[in-house]
């Protein structure tokens, strides 16, 4: 989508506007699901729950229609049907309002009232998305939201430069992999020109295919490729020795090998190596090249290239265990930036809109990086179940925190006035301070416990301040208080989990190893 940022044609504008509506729909749906869960916990048979369920089902059907209308195939459903379905959503809101009116003043009545408000908001978003998908809207006015693309070419260049800067250091696994790969491919090419082997281009090619950024992928692919190549060459040798196939049989065998390559190759790299090695022998043989020359050259170059790749990674590895604490610190920093952007809610400021969008993207990227890091760590030798369980618990707590923060984002989008609260801004500031202290703790700093804000007390003061004037226009803040309670709980849980981990000998050993690793890289 960022590739379309500078395009002014109709389709580009439509897609950007659709993405803007999709972001809002995602947040509103998240909040509606939370409200429904809250209703179910209070009164499981409350009539508003069934109404909300049917509303969500109808909304799902509209989203499916929008998705189908954007696909390559033509939609079989008339546009009028989808329009009627969108208009029918208002009936659910009317029914739920009637239920709320019949409910005595209580917590569940306030929650149901919030649900009605969010249903109205979602209905409007769905209608806008439906119009955009069917080209029934003024696209120039629909693309007024600048948050989905850089505002100027300078900002675009600055964003790109920032990505490069973040990776141009030896602490970056991507940079380390690029350097390791460049040196080794060059070495393989030089070695290929210095020896008298045939078809030495297979040597650097094997290095490029085997060498990966992480330990498990490199050693798994390396061993499977070497073993698969040897087995494939032995298979080709046996077939030529036993059958001495003619052209017709060679063509049949090529067909079988290509079929196996496409069928089972993607599932197992060893099978891929077997099929492709035997296939190359037969392809060259059918062109008049003696099979024994191909078999020998392929085997030697693959074994040497794979061995060089494995040796290089063994000599200069990138262990995920030394990176995972930094990944957690990075996700806390990303969530802190998102929290900071929400705390200074200012939709009239275009630079703030871009800041909020960058914070959203940064939070999603950091979460994906941490999840991938934990997956890679789980496949490294020496990793215990206790380590993975501890990190998974931290990840779960971070998910709960960001979901609550996204719910606040959704509330602010629908009711910007609710964001302008000094007590809420102060609470979010204390959350930001806590996240910053936790991130610095993961990087080896020792923050005294007295520096950590008392978030539970801050939450209590915020609720007391916001509910003191029930007659004001800002009296509708049940959702904000409850989401702030979830933020408090999740951050306190995160703090407890992280502090316990940083006090263990395991963390101290990993931190020491990381410092040594960074010191060695600095010398390089």
Foldseek 3Di string as FASTA:
>chain_A
DQVLLPPDDLVSLLVLLLVVLVLLLVLLVLLLVVLLVVLCVVPVVQVLNVLSVVLVVLLVVLVVQLVVLPDPDHDPDDLVVSVVSLVCLVVSLVVLVVSLVVDPDDPNSLSSVVSSLSSVVSSVSSVVSSCSSVVNDDSVVSNPQSQVYDPDVVVVVVVVVVVVVVQPAPLHLVVVLVVLLVVLLVVQVVVLVVDPAPPSVLQSVLLVVQADSADVSNVQLLVLLLQLLLLLLVVLVVCCVPPVDDLVVLVVLLVVLVVQCVPCCVVHVNSNNNSVNNNVLSVVVSVPDDSVSSSVRNNVSSNNNSVSSNVSCVVPPDALLLVLLLLLLQLLVLVLQLLLLLLPDDVVDSVSSNSNSVSVVSNVVSLVVNVVSLVSNVPDPPDDPVVSVLSVVLSVLSVLQVSLSSNSVSVCVSPVVLSPDPLVSVLSVLLSQLSNVLSVVSLPDDDDPVSRDPNVVSLVVSVCVQCPDCPDPNNSCPSVSVSSVSNNVSSVVSVVSSVVVSPDVSSVVSSVVSVVSSVVSVVD
